[in-house]
C-alpha atoms as a PDB file:
ATOM      1  CA  MET A   1     -15.626  -0.916  -6.525  1.00  0.00           C
ATOM      2  CA  PHE A   2     -16.742  -1.429 -10.095  1.00  0.00           C
ATOM      3  CA  GLY A   3     -20.221  -0.238  -9.187  1.00  0.00           C
ATOM      4  CA  ARG A   4     -18.877   3.207  -8.417  1.00  0.00           C
ATOM      5  CA  THR A   5     -17.050   3.361 -11.732  1.00  0.00           C
ATOM      6  CA  HIS A   6     -20.177   2.389 -13.636  1.00  0.00           C
ATOM      7  CA  GLN A   7     -22.237   4.898 -11.660  1.00  0.00           C
ATOM      8  CA  ALA A   8     -19.721   7.659 -12.358  1.00  0.00           C
ATOM      9  CA  GLU A   9     -19.682   6.704 -16.033  1.00  0.00           C
ATOM     10  CA  ALA A  10     -23.482   6.898 -16.198  1.00  0.00           C
ATOM     11  CA  ASP A  11     -23.492  10.292 -14.458  1.00  0.00           C
ATOM     12  CA  LEU A  12     -20.803  11.630 -16.778  1.00  0.00           C
ATOM     13  CA  ASP A  13     -22.703  10.313 -19.781  1.00  0.00           C
ATOM     14  CA  VAL A  14     -25.806  12.260 -18.738  1.00  0.00           C
ATOM     15  CA  VAL A  15     -23.799  15.455 -18.174  1.00  0.00           C
ATOM     16  CA  ALA A  16     -21.910  15.092 -21.477  1.00  0.00           C
ATOM     17  CA  HIS A  17     -25.089  14.558 -23.470  1.00  0.00           C
ATOM     18  CA  GLN A  18     -26.664  17.608 -21.829  1.00  0.00           C
ATOM     19  CA  LEU A  19     -23.598  19.632 -22.773  1.00  0.00           C
ATOM     20  CA  ALA A  20     -23.854  18.254 -26.318  1.00  0.00           C
ATOM     21  CA  LYS A  21     -27.417  19.606 -26.522  1.00  0.00           C
ATOM     22  CA  VAL A  22     -26.261  23.038 -25.337  1.00  0.00           C
ATOM     23  CA  SER A  23     -23.327  23.280 -27.751  1.00  0.00           C
ATOM     24  CA  PRO A  24     -23.702  20.651 -30.496  1.00  0.00           C
ATOM     25  CA  LYS A  25     -20.789  21.968 -32.576  1.00  0.00           C
ATOM     26  CA  ASP A  26     -18.305  20.886 -29.856  1.00  0.00           C
ATOM     27  CA  TYR A  27     -19.475  17.257 -29.759  1.00  0.00           C
ATOM     28  CA  PRO A  28     -19.929  14.614 -32.463  1.00  0.00           C
ATOM     29  CA  GLU A  29     -23.422  13.227 -33.067  1.00  0.00           C
ATOM     30  CA  GLN A  30     -22.651   9.824 -31.546  1.00  0.00           C
ATOM     31  CA  PHE A  31     -20.226   9.539 -28.642  1.00  0.00           C
ATOM     32  CA  THR A  32     -19.767   7.572 -25.453  1.00  0.00           C
ATOM     33  CA  VAL A  33     -18.182   8.423 -22.134  1.00  0.00           C
ATOM     34  CA  ASN A  34     -15.686   6.052 -20.524  1.00  0.00           C
ATOM     35  CA  ALA A  35     -14.655   6.454 -16.883  1.00  0.00           C
ATOM     36  CA  ASN A  36     -11.430   4.878 -15.658  1.00  0.00           C
ATOM     37  CA  ARG A  37      -9.963   4.856 -12.191  1.00  0.00           C
ATOM     38  CA  LEU A  38      -6.788   6.860 -11.732  1.00  0.00           C
ATOM     39  CA  THR A  39      -5.002   3.912 -10.137  1.00  0.00           C
ATOM     40  CA  ASP A  40      -5.590   1.831 -13.268  1.00  0.00           C
ATOM     41  CA  ARG A  41      -4.076   4.537 -15.438  1.00  0.00           C
ATOM     42  CA  VAL A  42      -1.080   5.088 -13.144  1.00  0.00           C
ATOM     43  CA  THR A  43      -0.146   1.463 -12.507  1.00  0.00           C
ATOM     44  CA  GLY A  44      -1.139   0.238 -15.972  1.00  0.00           C
ATOM     45  CA  PRO A  45       1.313  -2.399 -17.180  1.00  0.00           C
ATOM     46  CA  PHE A  46       3.128  -2.506 -13.821  1.00  0.00           C
ATOM     47  CA  LYS A  47       0.124  -3.839 -11.916  1.00  0.00           C
ATOM     48  CA  SER A  48       1.372  -7.430 -12.097  1.00  0.00           C
ATOM     49  CA  LEU A  49       4.708  -6.366 -10.592  1.00  0.00           C
ATOM     50  CA  MET A  50       3.203  -4.558  -7.602  1.00  0.00           C
ATOM     51  CA  TYR A  51       2.546  -7.595  -5.402  1.00  0.00           C
ATOM     52  CA  PRO A  52       6.012  -9.191  -5.763  1.00  0.00           C
ATOM     53  CA  LEU A  53       7.600  -5.787  -5.212  1.00  0.00           C
ATOM     54  CA  MET A  54       5.492  -5.225  -2.095  1.00  0.00           C
ATOM     55  CA  GLY A  55       6.467  -8.693  -0.850  1.00  0.00           C
ATOM     56  CA  ALA A  56      10.155  -7.931  -1.357  1.00  0.00           C
ATOM     57  CA  VAL A  57       9.840  -4.621   0.496  1.00  0.00           C
ATOM     58  CA  LEU A  58       8.037  -6.323   3.401  1.00  0.00           C
ATOM     59  CA  LEU A  59      10.721  -9.010   3.565  1.00  0.00           C
ATOM     60  CA  LEU A  60      13.411  -6.328   3.644  1.00  0.00           C
ATOM     61  CA  LEU A  61      11.545  -4.518   6.420  1.00  0.00           C
ATOM     62  CA  LEU A  62      11.250  -7.748   8.394  1.00  0.00           C
ATOM     63  CA  ILE A  63      14.997  -8.382   8.086  1.00  0.00           C
ATOM     64  CA  ALA A  64      15.792  -4.810   9.160  1.00  0.00           C
ATOM     65  CA  CYS A  65      13.505  -5.028  12.206  1.00  0.00           C
ATOM     66  CA  SER A  66      14.980  -8.354  13.265  1.00  0.00           C
ATOM     67  CA  ASN A  67      18.495  -6.920  12.951  1.00  0.00           C
ATOM     68  CA  VAL A  68      17.582  -3.949  15.154  1.00  0.00           C
ATOM     69  CA  ALA A  69      15.976  -6.275  17.706  1.00  0.00           C
ATOM     70  CA  ASN A  70      19.099  -8.452  17.674  1.00  0.00           C
ATOM     71  CA  LEU A  71      21.352  -5.426  18.251  1.00  0.00           C
ATOM     72  CA  LEU A  72      19.192  -4.239  21.151  1.00  0.00           C
ATOM     73  CA  LEU A  73      19.194  -7.712  22.675  1.00  0.00           C
ATOM     74  CA  ALA A  74      22.989  -7.911  22.350  1.00  0.00           C
ATOM     75  CA  ARG A  75      23.362  -4.548  24.078  1.00  0.00           C
ATOM     76  CA  VAL A  76      21.152  -5.648  26.981  1.00  0.00           C
ATOM     77  CA  THR A  77      22.989  -8.969  27.230  1.00  0.00           C
ATOM     78  CA  VAL A  78      26.377  -7.247  27.491  1.00  0.00           C
ATOM     79  CA  ARG A  79      25.129  -4.780  30.121  1.00  0.00           C
ATOM     80  CA  GLU A  80      23.312  -7.318  32.277  1.00  0.00           C
ATOM     81  CA  GLY A  81      25.751 -10.161  31.901  1.00  0.00           C
ATOM     82  CA  GLY A  82      23.069 -12.426  30.471  1.00  0.00           C
ATOM     83  CA  CYS A  83      19.562 -12.435  29.162  1.00  0.00           C
ATOM     84  CA  THR A  84      17.926 -12.859  32.572  1.00  0.00           C
ATOM     85  CA  THR A  85      16.082 -10.065  34.319  1.00  0.00           C
ATOM     86  CA  PHE A  86      15.272 -11.753  37.634  1.00  0.00           C
ATOM     87  CA  PRO A  87      17.747 -10.855  40.408  1.00  0.00           C
ATOM     88  CA  GLU A  88      17.480 -14.316  42.006  1.00  0.00           C
ATOM     89  CA  VAL A  89      18.702 -16.007  38.843  1.00  0.00           C
ATOM     90  CA  ARG A  90      21.485 -13.450  38.472  1.00  0.00           C
ATOM     91  CA  GLU A  91      22.615 -14.068  42.071  1.00  0.00           C
ATOM     92  CA  ALA A  92      22.502 -17.834  41.492  1.00  0.00           C
ATOM     93  CA  LYS A  93      24.863 -17.424  38.543  1.00  0.00           C
ATOM     94  CA  ARG A  94      27.443 -15.615  40.670  1.00  0.00           C
ATOM     95  CA  ILE A  95      27.644 -18.380  43.290  1.00  0.00           C
END
């Protein structure tokens, strides 16, 4: 991942220095080119908070999915009269 950033920085440095030769009044005599990833600029100081926030969201999603599964299981249990799906067991319960 860092290799691509360094490669892009080297490519941009070559292009910028060529542009500086074409129009020297637009560029200072000594300059450097720094390439940063967009994700680093966007997340910035919040990068340390991303993993706990993602963990909290996943925990909330897990709770929501288990609640939906519980509601579906309760609906099936009420309709069938139990959690069994085999007719032999259901008939044995009636006797």
